[in-house]
Amino acid sequence: MKIIDLRSDTVTQPTKAMRKVIANAVVGDDVLGDDITVNNLQDRIARMFEMEAGLFMASGTMSNQIAIAIQTQPGTEIICDKNAHIYVYESAAPSIISGVQIKPLDCGDEIFNLEMLEKNISKWDDIHHAPTTLIAVENTNNKAGGIILSLEKLKGIKKIADKNNIPLHLDGARIWNAHISTGVSFKEYGKYFDTISVCFSKGLGAPVGSMLLGTKRHIEKALRKRKQLGGGMRQIGLLAAAVDYALNNNLEKMKDDHRHARYFAEEVNKISGFEINLKNVQSNIVIIKVGKDNAEKITNKLEKFGLKSLSLSDSIIRVVFHLHINDDDTEDAIKIFKKIKNI
């Protein structure tokens, strides 16, 4: 039976062409600093965002956590949105690795209400509260359904951060999708953040990897922290070569992912029992409300007909479109949703 895997854009497999590039990569020992393929990739990504330097990481979580570690101190706090990956999906790592707590903001359907953000910043002169030492923004916001933060919102957050002398970190795991959807350049996004984490193993289709961007001093500190966390790898030019290939060949293909997600959302939203906020379908992620206690039942039914999805709660299903999903797959996914509704 044909399987349509919409659980995540992390399920992509290297293509034959990418595997060939990996096999032929020039490599060295990255811990010793002499893997030229990694060095060139770090320079390439840093230039894309007009940041001073970059450091290849094993994962987005590692990249985010090192960004937190090098910009905060124990006994302080990070402010982020209630749906932020660093709060929901990184296993309390900020408290373990950096000794900081997270203050998640619940702004309803909005991500980062500016007035609420400013009111929730804690100062050093109040000994009763952990002072705010970092603000973290996720763009696109995964758990919120791939929502893209506008430049106007980012500028507002940056203004508040600067006013309070607080660094700003971007969890840009899917910043590629934000760029493709809005046309906003990577250099423009780079203007607003002290550090940026980007991921290569999602929509770009590379098998492994992330990168932390920042100043040269940030990356010097990150290099030591990466070593402490066991993230120093050796001949990782193999992985860097895959990323180079993905940037050259797969970035523009995300337009198809977004087109598939929009079409799928519009059609499934017409089916009784499935509710999608079409306003929030801005990239490659679709969040489907299915009614209390129904999510797992429905994901199980879908899988029986060859469609894999992910339940985020007892009433919410997520599907994510990616490199391996074509027009026919999208049509078939819609047909499967119609079919299970009639069972």
C-alpha atoms as a PDB file:
ATOM      1  CA  MET A   1       0.000   0.000   0.000  1.00  0.00           C
ATOM      2  CA  LYS A   2       1.213   3.478  -0.873  1.00  0.00           C
ATOM      3  CA  ILE A   3       2.126   5.498   2.235  1.00  0.00           C
ATOM      4  CA  ILE A   4       1.691   9.280   2.354  1.00  0.00           C
ATOM      5  CA  ASP A   5       3.745  10.435   5.328  1.00  0.00           C
ATOM      6  CA  LEU A   6       2.591  13.859   6.559  1.00  0.00           C
ATOM      7  CA  ARG A   7       3.777  13.513  10.153  1.00  0.00           C
ATOM      8  CA  SER A   8       6.554  16.057   9.648  1.00  0.00           C
ATOM      9  CA  ASP A   9       8.906  17.574   7.092  1.00  0.00           C
ATOM     10  CA  THR A  10      11.690  15.784   8.985  1.00  0.00           C
ATOM     11  CA  VAL A  11      10.770  12.471   7.322  1.00  0.00           C
ATOM     12  CA  THR A  12      12.389  13.376   4.000  1.00  0.00           C
ATOM     13  CA  GLN A  13      15.053  11.061   2.594  1.00  0.00           C
ATOM     14  CA  PRO A  14      18.197  12.087   0.699  1.00  0.00           C
ATOM     15  CA  THR A  15      17.655  11.786  -3.048  1.00  0.00           C
ATOM     16  CA  LYS A  16      20.037   9.875  -5.304  1.00  0.00           C
ATOM     17  CA  ALA A  17      21.594  13.142  -6.435  1.00  0.00           C
ATOM     18  CA  MET A  18      22.105  14.274  -2.843  1.00  0.00           C
ATOM     19  CA  ARG A  19      23.627  10.902  -1.909  1.00  0.00           C
ATOM     20  CA  LYS A  20      26.103  11.272  -4.760  1.00  0.00           C
ATOM     21  CA  VAL A  21      27.150  14.696  -3.497  1.00  0.00           C
ATOM     22  CA  ILE A  22      27.542  13.278   0.033  1.00  0.00           C
ATOM     23  CA  ALA A  23      29.685  10.401  -1.246  1.00  0.00           C
ATOM     24  CA  ASN A  24      32.017  12.760  -3.105  1.00  0.00           C
ATOM     25  CA  ALA A  25      32.355  15.419  -0.374  1.00  0.00           C
ATOM     26  CA  VAL A  26      35.802  16.666   0.604  1.00  0.00           C
ATOM     27  CA  VAL A  27      36.093  16.219   4.370  1.00  0.00           C
ATOM     28  CA  GLY A  28      38.462  16.837   7.269  1.00  0.00           C
ATOM     29  CA  ASP A  29      38.354  16.828  11.052  1.00  0.00           C
ATOM     30  CA  ASP A  30      35.897  19.548  11.992  1.00  0.00           C
ATOM     31  CA  VAL A  31      36.878  19.531  15.681  1.00  0.00           C
ATOM     32  CA  LEU A  32      40.357  20.499  14.516  1.00  0.00           C
ATOM     33  CA  GLY A  33      38.802  23.074  12.212  1.00  0.00           C
ATOM     34  CA  ASP A  34      40.012  21.610   8.924  1.00  0.00           C
ATOM     35  CA  ASP A  35      36.846  20.314   7.258  1.00  0.00           C
ATOM     36  CA  ILE A  36      36.724  22.710   4.335  1.00  0.00           C
ATOM     37  CA  THR A  37      33.195  21.719   3.296  1.00  0.00           C
ATOM     38  CA  VAL A  38      31.844  22.584   6.753  1.00  0.00           C
ATOM     39  CA  ASN A  39      33.871  25.794   6.911  1.00  0.00           C
ATOM     40  CA  ASN A  40      32.546  26.905   3.537  1.00  0.00           C
ATOM     41  CA  LEU A  41      28.967  26.129   4.541  1.00  0.00           C
ATOM     42  CA  GLN A  42      29.312  28.088   7.792  1.00  0.00           C
ATOM     43  CA  ASP A  43      30.589  31.073   5.819  1.00  0.00           C
ATOM     44  CA  ARG A  44      27.818  30.686   3.242  1.00  0.00           C
ATOM     45  CA  ILE A  45      24.957  30.659   5.767  1.00  0.00           C
ATOM     46  CA  ALA A  46      26.482  33.534   7.761  1.00  0.00           C
ATOM     47  CA  ARG A  47      26.680  35.637   4.589  1.00  0.00           C
ATOM     48  CA  MET A  48      23.076  34.798   3.691  1.00  0.00           C
ATOM     49  CA  PHE A  49      21.879  36.360   6.958  1.00  0.00           C
ATOM     50  CA  GLU A  50      24.662  38.987   7.151  1.00  0.00           C
ATOM     51  CA  MET A  51      25.822  37.563  10.464  1.00  0.00           C
ATOM     52  CA  GLU A  52      29.503  37.471  11.411  1.00  0.00           C
ATOM     53  CA  ALA A  53      29.903  33.710  11.832  1.00  0.00           C
ATOM     54  CA  GLY A  54      28.158  30.348  12.000  1.00  0.00           C
ATOM     55  CA  LEU A  55      28.671  26.982  13.678  1.00  0.00           C
ATOM     56  CA  PHE A  56      27.321  23.647  12.432  1.00  0.00           C
ATOM     57  CA  MET A  57      25.251  21.791  15.040  1.00  0.00           C
ATOM     58  CA  ALA A  58      23.821  18.287  15.258  1.00  0.00           C
ATOM     59  CA  SER A  59      20.246  19.524  15.757  1.00  0.00           C
ATOM     60  CA  GLY A  60      18.001  22.542  16.113  1.00  0.00           C
ATOM     61  CA  THR A  61      17.554  21.800  19.800  1.00  0.00           C
ATOM     62  CA  MET A  62      21.315  21.890  20.343  1.00  0.00           C
ATOM     63  CA  SER A  63      21.567  25.127  18.393  1.00  0.00           C
ATOM     64  CA  ASN A  64      18.782  26.755  20.415  1.00  0.00           C
ATOM     65  CA  GLN A  65      20.142  25.553  23.732  1.00  0.00           C
ATOM     66  CA  ILE A  66      23.650  26.768  23.037  1.00  0.00           C
ATOM     67  CA  ALA A  67      22.253  30.145  22.000  1.00  0.00           C
ATOM     68  CA  ILE A  68      20.513  30.292  25.381  1.00  0.00           C
ATOM     69  CA  ALA A  69      23.610  29.158  27.284  1.00  0.00           C
ATOM     70  CA  ILE A  70      25.926  31.782  25.796  1.00  0.00           C
ATOM     71  CA  GLN A  71      23.537  34.705  26.290  1.00  0.00           C
ATOM     72  CA  THR A  72      22.018  34.091  29.727  1.00  0.00           C
ATOM     73  CA  GLN A  73      23.146  33.204  33.221  1.00  0.00           C
ATOM     74  CA  PRO A  74      21.708  30.850  35.867  1.00  0.00           C
ATOM     75  CA  GLY A  75      18.829  32.253  37.859  1.00  0.00           C
ATOM     76  CA  THR A  76      17.441  34.352  35.015  1.00  0.00           C
ATOM     77  CA  GLU A  77      14.576  33.837  32.575  1.00  0.00           C
ATOM     78  CA  ILE A  78      13.756  33.637  28.876  1.00  0.00           C
ATOM     79  CA  ILE A  79      10.554  35.046  27.421  1.00  0.00           C
ATOM     80  CA  CYS A  80       8.961  33.202  24.504  1.00  0.00           C
ATOM     81  CA  ASP A  81       5.540  32.411  23.066  1.00  0.00           C
ATOM     82  CA  LYS A  82       3.488  29.643  24.705  1.00  0.00           C
ATOM     83  CA  ASN A  83       3.850  27.521  21.554  1.00  0.00           C
ATOM     84  CA  ALA A  84       7.610  27.992  21.216  1.00  0.00           C
ATOM     85  CA  HIS A  85       9.671  24.902  20.439  1.00  0.00           C
ATOM     86  CA  ILE A  86      12.189  25.724  23.187  1.00  0.00           C
ATOM     87  CA  TYR A  87       9.330  25.625  25.711  1.00  0.00           C
ATOM     88  CA  VAL A  88       7.150  22.786  24.404  1.00  0.00           C
ATOM     89  CA  TYR A  89       9.520  20.375  22.690  1.00  0.00           C
ATOM     90  CA  GLU A  90      13.012  20.686  24.182  1.00  0.00           C
ATOM     91  CA  SER A  91      12.522  18.670  27.366  1.00  0.00           C
ATOM     92  CA  ALA A  92      13.187  21.442  29.923  1.00  0.00           C
ATOM     93  CA  ALA A  93      16.714  21.821  28.527  1.00  0.00           C
ATOM     94  CA  PRO A  94      17.064  25.538  29.432  1.00  0.00           C
ATOM     95  CA  SER A  95      16.668  24.718  33.135  1.00  0.00           C
ATOM     96  CA  ILE A  96      19.089  21.784  32.938  1.00  0.00           C
ATOM     97  CA  ILE A  97      21.802  23.194  30.674  1.00  0.00           C
ATOM     98  CA  SER A  98      21.670  26.912  31.491  1.00  0.00           C
ATOM     99  CA  GLY A  99      19.865  27.094  34.840  1.00  0.00           C
ATOM    100  CA  VAL A 100      17.258  29.479  33.453  1.00  0.00           C
ATOM    101  CA  GLN A 101      13.491  29.384  33.578  1.00  0.00           C
ATOM    102  CA  ILE A 102      11.103  30.057  30.726  1.00  0.00           C
ATOM    103  CA  LYS A 103       8.271  32.563  30.934  1.00  0.00           C
ATOM    104  CA  PRO A 104       5.838  31.609  28.138  1.00  0.00           C
ATOM    105  CA  LEU A 105       3.422  34.314  27.016  1.00  0.00           C
ATOM    106  CA  ASP A 106      -0.163  33.305  26.292  1.00  0.00           C
ATOM    107  CA  CYS A 107      -1.336  35.955  23.853  1.00  0.00           C
ATOM    108  CA  GLY A 108      -4.380  34.019  22.658  1.00  0.00           C
ATOM    109  CA  ASP A 109      -4.337  33.580  18.886  1.00  0.00           C
ATOM    110  CA  GLU A 110      -1.644  36.236  18.552  1.00  0.00           C
ATOM    111  CA  ILE A 111       2.063  35.470  18.778  1.00  0.00           C
ATOM    112  CA  PHE A 112       3.846  38.064  20.903  1.00  0.00           C
ATOM    113  CA  ASN A 113       1.427  40.808  21.782  1.00  0.00           C
ATOM    114  CA  LEU A 114       3.886  43.693  22.133  1.00  0.00           C
ATOM    115  CA  GLU A 115       2.148  45.286  25.100  1.00  0.00           C
ATOM    116  CA  MET A 116       2.107  41.959  26.952  1.00  0.00           C
ATOM    117  CA  LEU A 117       5.761  41.358  26.096  1.00  0.00           C
ATOM    118  CA  GLU A 118       6.859  44.682  27.537  1.00  0.00           C
ATOM    119  CA  LYS A 119       4.795  44.195  30.698  1.00  0.00           C
ATOM    120  CA  ASN A 120       6.359  40.788  31.334  1.00  0.00           C
ATOM    121  CA  ILE A 121       9.999  41.821  31.214  1.00  0.00           C
ATOM    122  CA  SER A 122      11.515  41.443  34.675  1.00  0.00           C
ATOM    123  CA  LYS A 123      14.214  43.880  35.790  1.00  0.00           C
ATOM    124  CA  TRP A 124      17.399  43.179  37.697  1.00  0.00           C
ATOM    125  CA  ASP A 125      16.421  45.571  40.488  1.00  0.00           C
ATOM    126  CA  ASP A 126      13.433  43.427  41.588  1.00  0.00           C
ATOM    127  CA  ILE A 127      14.934  40.664  43.730  1.00  0.00           C
ATOM    128  CA  HIS A 128      11.661  38.695  43.837  1.00  0.00           C
ATOM    129  CA  HIS A 129      11.714  37.751  40.161  1.00  0.00           C
ATOM    130  CA  ALA A 130      14.177  36.179  37.756  1.00  0.00           C
ATOM    131  CA  PRO A 131      15.461  38.965  35.489  1.00  0.00           C
ATOM    132  CA  THR A 132      14.794  38.593  31.782  1.00  0.00           C
ATOM    133  CA  THR A 133      18.046  37.934  29.921  1.00  0.00           C
ATOM    134  CA  LEU A 134      16.772  36.686  26.538  1.00  0.00           C
ATOM    135  CA  ILE A 135      13.728  36.935  24.289  1.00  0.00           C
ATOM    136  CA  ALA A 136      13.259  33.998  21.894  1.00  0.00           C
ATOM    137  CA  VAL A 137      11.140  34.146  18.747  1.00  0.00           C
ATOM    138  CA  GLU A 138      10.171  31.159  16.570  1.00  0.00           C
ATOM    139  CA  ASN A 139       9.516  31.875  12.883  1.00  0.00           C
ATOM    140  CA  THR A 140       7.680  30.051  11.420  1.00  0.00           C
ATOM    141  CA  ASN A 141       5.909  28.963  14.589  1.00  0.00           C
ATOM    142  CA  ASN A 142       5.495  25.185  14.353  1.00  0.00           C
ATOM    143  CA  LYS A 143       2.901  24.413  17.035  1.00  0.00           C
ATOM    144  CA  ALA A 144       0.813  27.436  16.036  1.00  0.00           C
ATOM    145  CA  GLY A 145       0.523  25.923  12.557  1.00  0.00           C
ATOM    146  CA  GLY A 146       3.435  27.374  10.627  1.00  0.00           C
ATOM    147  CA  ILE A 147       2.409  30.973  11.277  1.00  0.00           C
ATOM    148  CA  ILE A 148       4.844  33.597   9.986  1.00  0.00           C
ATOM    149  CA  LEU A 149       5.655  36.647  12.095  1.00  0.00           C
ATOM    150  CA  SER A 150       5.417  39.866  10.117  1.00  0.00           C
ATOM    151  CA  LEU A 151       8.323  42.279   9.784  1.00  0.00           C
ATOM    152  CA  GLU A 152       6.222  44.835  11.644  1.00  0.00           C
ATOM    153  CA  LYS A 153       5.921  42.445  14.596  1.00  0.00           C
ATOM    154  CA  LEU A 154       9.631  41.601  14.515  1.00  0.00           C
ATOM    155  CA  LYS A 155      10.551  45.275  14.463  1.00  0.00           C
ATOM    156  CA  GLY A 156       8.297  45.862  17.477  1.00  0.00           C
ATOM    157  CA  ILE A 157       9.893  42.992  19.416  1.00  0.00           C
ATOM    158  CA  LYS A 158      13.364  44.261  18.494  1.00  0.00           C
ATOM    159  CA  LYS A 159      12.498  47.767  19.711  1.00  0.00           C
ATOM    160  CA  ILE A 160      11.398  46.413  23.089  1.00  0.00           C
ATOM    161  CA  ALA A 161      14.473  44.192  23.361  1.00  0.00           C
ATOM    162  CA  ASP A 162      16.831  47.074  22.580  1.00  0.00           C
ATOM    163  CA  LYS A 163      15.036  49.392  24.962  1.00  0.00           C
ATOM    164  CA  ASN A 164      15.613  46.891  27.770  1.00  0.00           C
ATOM    165  CA  ASN A 165      19.104  45.841  26.636  1.00  0.00           C
ATOM    166  CA  ILE A 166      17.994  42.216  26.159  1.00  0.00           C
ATOM    167  CA  PRO A 167      19.389  40.024  23.362  1.00  0.00           C
ATOM    168  CA  LEU A 168      17.007  38.492  20.848  1.00  0.00           C
ATOM    169  CA  HIS A 169      17.253  34.911  19.565  1.00  0.00           C
ATOM    170  CA  LEU A 170      15.498  33.534  16.503  1.00  0.00           C
ATOM    171  CA  ASP A 171      14.569  29.872  16.404  1.00  0.00           C
ATOM    172  CA  GLY A 172      14.504  29.858  12.615  1.00  0.00           C
ATOM    173  CA  ALA A 173      14.118  26.124  12.133  1.00  0.00           C
ATOM    174  CA  ARG A 174      11.706  26.909   9.295  1.00  0.00           C
ATOM    175  CA  ILE A 175      12.884  30.415   8.414  1.00  0.00           C
ATOM    176  CA  TRP A 176      13.333  29.034   4.902  1.00  0.00           C
ATOM    177  CA  ASN A 177       9.557  28.633   4.672  1.00  0.00           C
ATOM    178  CA  ALA A 178       9.000  32.161   5.984  1.00  0.00           C
ATOM    179  CA  HIS A 179      11.330  33.521   3.293  1.00  0.00           C
ATOM    180  CA  ILE A 180       9.688  31.541   0.495  1.00  0.00           C
ATOM    181  CA  SER A 181       6.183  32.549   1.601  1.00  0.00           C
ATOM    182  CA  THR A 182       6.829  36.270   2.161  1.00  0.00           C
ATOM    183  CA  GLY A 183       9.786  37.093  -0.052  1.00  0.00           C
ATOM    184  CA  VAL A 184      11.502  38.735   2.928  1.00  0.00           C
ATOM    185  CA  SER A 185      15.247  38.234   2.471  1.00  0.00           C
ATOM    186  CA  PHE A 186      17.431  36.336   4.894  1.00  0.00           C
ATOM    187  CA  LYS A 187      19.523  39.484   5.307  1.00  0.00           C
ATOM    188  CA  GLU A 188      16.431  41.377   6.398  1.00  0.00           C
ATOM    189  CA  TYR A 189      15.597  38.735   8.992  1.00  0.00           C
ATOM    190  CA  GLY A 190      19.194  38.855  10.170  1.00  0.00           C
ATOM    191  CA  LYS A 191      18.895  42.543  11.093  1.00  0.00           C
ATOM    192  CA  TYR A 192      16.669  41.902  14.096  1.00  0.00           C
ATOM    193  CA  PHE A 193      18.463  39.136  15.996  1.00  0.00           C
ATOM    194  CA  ASP A 194      21.618  38.669  18.032  1.00  0.00           C
ATOM    195  CA  THR A 195      21.640  34.933  17.357  1.00  0.00           C
ATOM    196  CA  ILE A 196      19.790  32.777  14.840  1.00  0.00           C
ATOM    197  CA  SER A 197      19.291  29.017  14.699  1.00  0.00           C
ATOM    198  CA  VAL A 198      18.439  27.471  11.325  1.00  0.00           C
ATOM    199  CA  CYS A 199      17.563  23.848  10.552  1.00  0.00           C
ATOM    200  CA  PHE A 200      18.536  21.814   7.487  1.00  0.00           C
ATOM    201  CA  SER A 201      16.683  18.534   8.141  1.00  0.00           C
ATOM    202  CA  LYS A 202      13.138  19.811   7.630  1.00  0.00           C
ATOM    203  CA  GLY A 203      11.816  21.390   4.436  1.00  0.00           C
ATOM    204  CA  LEU A 204      15.245  21.616   2.847  1.00  0.00           C
ATOM    205  CA  GLY A 205      15.467  17.823   2.863  1.00  0.00           C
ATOM    206  CA  ALA A 206      19.011  17.401   4.208  1.00  0.00           C
ATOM    207  CA  PRO A 207      19.414  14.372   6.510  1.00  0.00           C
ATOM    208  CA  VAL A 208      21.005  16.041   9.562  1.00  0.00           C
ATOM    209  CA  GLY A 209      22.024  19.375  10.910  1.00  0.00           C
ATOM    210  CA  SER A 210      21.408  22.885  12.107  1.00  0.00           C
ATOM    211  CA  MET A 211      23.506  26.016  12.434  1.00  0.00           C
ATOM    212  CA  LEU A 212      23.866  28.753  15.007  1.00  0.00           C
ATOM    213  CA  LEU A 213      24.629  32.230  13.690  1.00  0.00           C
ATOM    214  CA  GLY A 214      25.863  35.237  15.626  1.00  0.00           C
ATOM    215  CA  THR A 215      28.881  37.434  16.233  1.00  0.00           C
ATOM    216  CA  LYS A 216      32.378  35.987  16.156  1.00  0.00           C
ATOM    217  CA  ARG A 217      32.385  36.185  19.963  1.00  0.00           C
ATOM    218  CA  HIS A 218      29.063  34.294  20.142  1.00  0.00           C
ATOM    219  CA  ILE A 219      30.478  31.523  17.976  1.00  0.00           C
ATOM    220  CA  GLU A 220      33.724  31.324  19.993  1.00  0.00           C
ATOM    221  CA  LYS A 221      31.636  30.730  23.104  1.00  0.00           C
ATOM    222  CA  ALA A 222      29.310  28.365  21.241  1.00  0.00           C
ATOM    223  CA  LEU A 223      32.258  26.267  20.085  1.00  0.00           C
ATOM    224  CA  ARG A 224      33.244  25.560  23.683  1.00  0.00           C
ATOM    225  CA  LYS A 225      29.655  24.853  24.753  1.00  0.00           C
ATOM    226  CA  ARG A 226      29.152  22.524  21.795  1.00  0.00           C
ATOM    227  CA  LYS A 227      32.231  20.572  22.894  1.00  0.00           C
ATOM    228  CA  GLN A 228      30.918  20.365  26.473  1.00  0.00           C
ATOM    229  CA  LEU A 229      27.628  18.947  25.217  1.00  0.00           C
ATOM    230  CA  GLY A 230      29.335  16.325  23.068  1.00  0.00           C
ATOM    231  CA  GLY A 231      28.438  18.060  19.822  1.00  0.00           C
ATOM    232  CA  GLY A 232      31.925  18.148  18.341  1.00  0.00           C
ATOM    233  CA  MET A 233      31.819  15.902  15.271  1.00  0.00           C
ATOM    234  CA  ARG A 234      34.599  14.866  12.931  1.00  0.00           C
ATOM    235  CA  GLN A 235      34.169  14.394   9.158  1.00  0.00           C
ATOM    236  CA  ILE A 236      30.861  16.208   8.953  1.00  0.00           C
ATOM    237  CA  GLY A 237      31.619  17.643   5.539  1.00  0.00           C
ATOM    238  CA  LEU A 238      29.471  14.712   4.400  1.00  0.00           C
ATOM    239  CA  LEU A 239      26.494  16.402   6.047  1.00  0.00           C
ATOM    240  CA  ALA A 240      27.506  19.918   5.024  1.00  0.00           C
ATOM    241  CA  ALA A 241      27.665  18.789   1.395  1.00  0.00           C
ATOM    242  CA  ALA A 242      24.057  17.596   1.666  1.00  0.00           C
ATOM    243  CA  VAL A 243      23.033  21.016   2.975  1.00  0.00           C
ATOM    244  CA  ASP A 244      24.817  22.764   0.107  1.00  0.00           C
ATOM    245  CA  TYR A 245      22.950  20.564  -2.331  1.00  0.00           C
ATOM    246  CA  ALA A 246      19.635  21.249  -0.568  1.00  0.00           C
ATOM    247  CA  LEU A 247      20.128  25.020  -0.658  1.00  0.00           C
ATOM    248  CA  ASN A 248      20.990  24.880  -4.357  1.00  0.00           C
ATOM    249  CA  ASN A 249      18.182  22.542  -5.388  1.00  0.00           C
ATOM    250  CA  ASN A 250      15.376  22.342  -2.800  1.00  0.00           C
ATOM    251  CA  LEU A 251      14.791  25.810  -1.399  1.00  0.00           C
ATOM    252  CA  GLU A 252      12.533  27.014  -4.199  1.00  0.00           C
ATOM    253  CA  LYS A 253      10.610  23.724  -4.113  1.00  0.00           C
ATOM    254  CA  MET A 254       9.072  24.854  -0.833  1.00  0.00           C
ATOM    255  CA  LYS A 255       6.639  26.873  -2.942  1.00  0.00           C
ATOM    256  CA  ASP A 256       5.061  23.542  -3.874  1.00  0.00           C
ATOM    257  CA  ASP A 257       4.886  22.503  -0.198  1.00  0.00           C
ATOM    258  CA  HIS A 258       2.991  25.711   0.593  1.00  0.00           C
ATOM    259  CA  ARG A 259       0.707  25.294  -2.417  1.00  0.00           C
ATOM    260  CA  HIS A 260      -0.099  21.713  -1.415  1.00  0.00           C
ATOM    261  CA  ALA A 261      -0.801  22.739   2.192  1.00  0.00           C
ATOM    262  CA  ARG A 262      -3.163  25.538   1.135  1.00  0.00           C
ATOM    263  CA  TYR A 263      -5.099  23.373  -1.324  1.00  0.00           C
ATOM    264  CA  PHE A 264      -5.332  20.487   1.150  1.00  0.00           C
ATOM    265  CA  ALA A 265      -6.541  22.835   3.922  1.00  0.00           C
ATOM    266  CA  GLU A 266      -9.224  24.407   1.754  1.00  0.00           C
ATOM    267  CA  GLU A 267     -10.582  21.026   0.676  1.00  0.00           C
ATOM    268  CA  VAL A 268     -10.449  19.256   4.051  1.00  0.00           C
ATOM    269  CA  ASN A 269     -12.040  22.264   5.753  1.00  0.00           C
ATOM    270  CA  LYS A 270     -15.130  21.587   3.633  1.00  0.00           C
ATOM    271  CA  ILE A 271     -15.534  18.121   5.198  1.00  0.00           C
ATOM    272  CA  SER A 272     -17.856  17.938   8.192  1.00  0.00           C
ATOM    273  CA  GLY A 273     -15.981  17.189  11.418  1.00  0.00           C
ATOM    274  CA  PHE A 274     -12.706  18.792  10.366  1.00  0.00           C
ATOM    275  CA  GLU A 275     -12.055  22.442  11.200  1.00  0.00           C
ATOM    276  CA  ILE A 276      -9.084  24.404   9.863  1.00  0.00           C
ATOM    277  CA  ASN A 277      -8.338  28.072  10.429  1.00  0.00           C
ATOM    278  CA  LEU A 278      -7.373  28.942   6.866  1.00  0.00           C
ATOM    279  CA  LYS A 279      -5.944  32.283   7.970  1.00  0.00           C
ATOM    280  CA  ASN A 280      -3.204  30.366   9.789  1.00  0.00           C
ATOM    281  CA  VAL A 281      -2.196  28.194   6.829  1.00  0.00           C
ATOM    282  CA  GLN A 282       0.754  30.355   5.821  1.00  0.00           C
ATOM    283  CA  SER A 283       3.454  27.823   5.001  1.00  0.00           C
ATOM    284  CA  ASN A 284       3.663  24.012   4.881  1.00  0.00           C
ATOM    285  CA  ILE A 285       1.849  23.096   8.124  1.00  0.00           C
ATOM    286  CA  VAL A 286      -1.878  22.476   8.581  1.00  0.00           C
ATOM    287  CA  ILE A 287      -3.537  22.203  12.011  1.00  0.00           C
ATOM    288  CA  ILE A 288      -6.856  20.333  12.017  1.00  0.00           C
ATOM    289  CA  LYS A 289      -9.352  20.455  14.884  1.00  0.00           C
ATOM    290  CA  VAL A 290     -11.273  17.172  15.116  1.00  0.00           C
ATOM    291  CA  GLY A 291     -13.289  17.382  18.328  1.00  0.00           C
ATOM    292  CA  LYS A 292     -12.492  16.277  21.863  1.00  0.00           C
ATOM    293  CA  ASP A 293     -10.963  12.792  22.260  1.00  0.00           C
ATOM    294  CA  ASN A 294     -11.034  12.169  18.502  1.00  0.00           C
ATOM    295  CA  ALA A 295      -7.449  12.875  17.410  1.00  0.00           C
ATOM    296  CA  GLU A 296      -5.883   9.490  18.088  1.00  0.00           C
ATOM    297  CA  LYS A 297      -8.885   7.624  16.685  1.00  0.00           C
ATOM    298  CA  ILE A 298      -8.679   9.622  13.464  1.00  0.00           C
ATOM    299  CA  THR A 299      -4.906   9.311  13.051  1.00  0.00           C
ATOM    300  CA  ASN A 300      -5.296   5.539  13.437  1.00  0.00           C
ATOM    301  CA  LYS A 301      -8.027   5.463  10.780  1.00  0.00           C
ATOM    302  CA  LEU A 302      -5.970   7.592   8.423  1.00  0.00           C
ATOM    303  CA  GLU A 303      -2.982   5.295   8.775  1.00  0.00           C
ATOM    304  CA  LYS A 304      -5.069   2.247   7.883  1.00  0.00           C
ATOM    305  CA  PHE A 305      -5.676   3.898   4.510  1.00  0.00           C
ATOM    306  CA  GLY A 306      -2.038   4.865   4.041  1.00  0.00           C
ATOM    307  CA  LEU A 307      -1.820   8.384   5.446  1.00  0.00           C
ATOM    308  CA  LYS A 308       0.405   9.128   8.436  1.00  0.00           C
ATOM    309  CA  SER A 309      -0.349  12.219  10.515  1.00  0.00           C
ATOM    310  CA  LEU A 310       0.437  13.423  14.028  1.00  0.00           C
ATOM    311  CA  SER A 311      -1.904  14.110  16.944  1.00  0.00           C
ATOM    312  CA  LEU A 312      -0.806  17.154  18.965  1.00  0.00           C
ATOM    313  CA  SER A 313      -3.544  16.767  21.567  1.00  0.00           C
ATOM    314  CA  ASP A 314      -6.760  14.838  22.054  1.00  0.00           C
ATOM    315  CA  SER A 315      -8.508  17.165  19.597  1.00  0.00           C
ATOM    316  CA  ILE A 316      -5.829  18.410  17.179  1.00  0.00           C
ATOM    317  CA  ILE A 317      -4.060  16.740  14.240  1.00  0.00           C
ATOM    318  CA  ARG A 318      -1.083  18.186  12.393  1.00  0.00           C
ATOM    319  CA  VAL A 319      -0.055  17.445   8.828  1.00  0.00           C
ATOM    320  CA  VAL A 320       3.110  18.806   7.213  1.00  0.00           C
ATOM    321  CA  PHE A 321       3.836  18.973   3.492  1.00  0.00           C
ATOM    322  CA  HIS A 322       7.366  18.430   2.262  1.00  0.00           C
ATOM    323  CA  LEU A 323       9.702  17.606  -0.590  1.00  0.00           C
ATOM    324  CA  HIS A 324       8.370  14.087  -1.223  1.00  0.00           C
ATOM    325  CA  ILE A 325       4.698  15.057  -1.506  1.00  0.00           C
ATOM    326  CA  ASN A 326       3.437  15.814  -5.011  1.00  0.00           C
ATOM    327  CA  ASP A 327       0.108  16.893  -6.489  1.00  0.00           C
ATOM    328  CA  ASP A 328      -1.216  13.311  -6.699  1.00  0.00           C
ATOM    329  CA  ASP A 329      -0.270  12.625  -3.070  1.00  0.00           C
ATOM    330  CA  THR A 330      -2.113  15.766  -2.001  1.00  0.00           C
ATOM    331  CA  GLU A 331      -5.246  14.709  -3.893  1.00  0.00           C
ATOM    332  CA  ASP A 332      -5.023  11.219  -2.390  1.00  0.00           C
ATOM    333  CA  ALA A 333      -4.617  12.668   1.120  1.00  0.00           C
ATOM    334  CA  ILE A 334      -7.831  14.661   0.660  1.00  0.00           C
ATOM    335  CA  LYS A 335      -9.645  11.545  -0.603  1.00  0.00           C
ATOM    336  CA  ILE A 336      -8.511   9.598   2.466  1.00  0.00           C
ATOM    337  CA  PHE A 337      -9.880  12.276   4.793  1.00  0.00           C
ATOM    338  CA  LYS A 338     -13.203  12.108   2.932  1.00  0.00           C
ATOM    339  CA  LYS A 339     -13.183   8.316   3.109  1.00  0.00           C
ATOM    340  CA  ILE A 340     -12.614   8.005   6.851  1.00  0.00           C
ATOM    341  CA  LYS A 341     -15.389  10.515   7.522  1.00  0.00           C
ATOM    342  CA  ASN A 342     -17.853   8.076   5.981  1.00  0.00           C
ATOM    343  CA  ILE A 343     -16.719   5.111   8.096  1.00  0.00           C
END
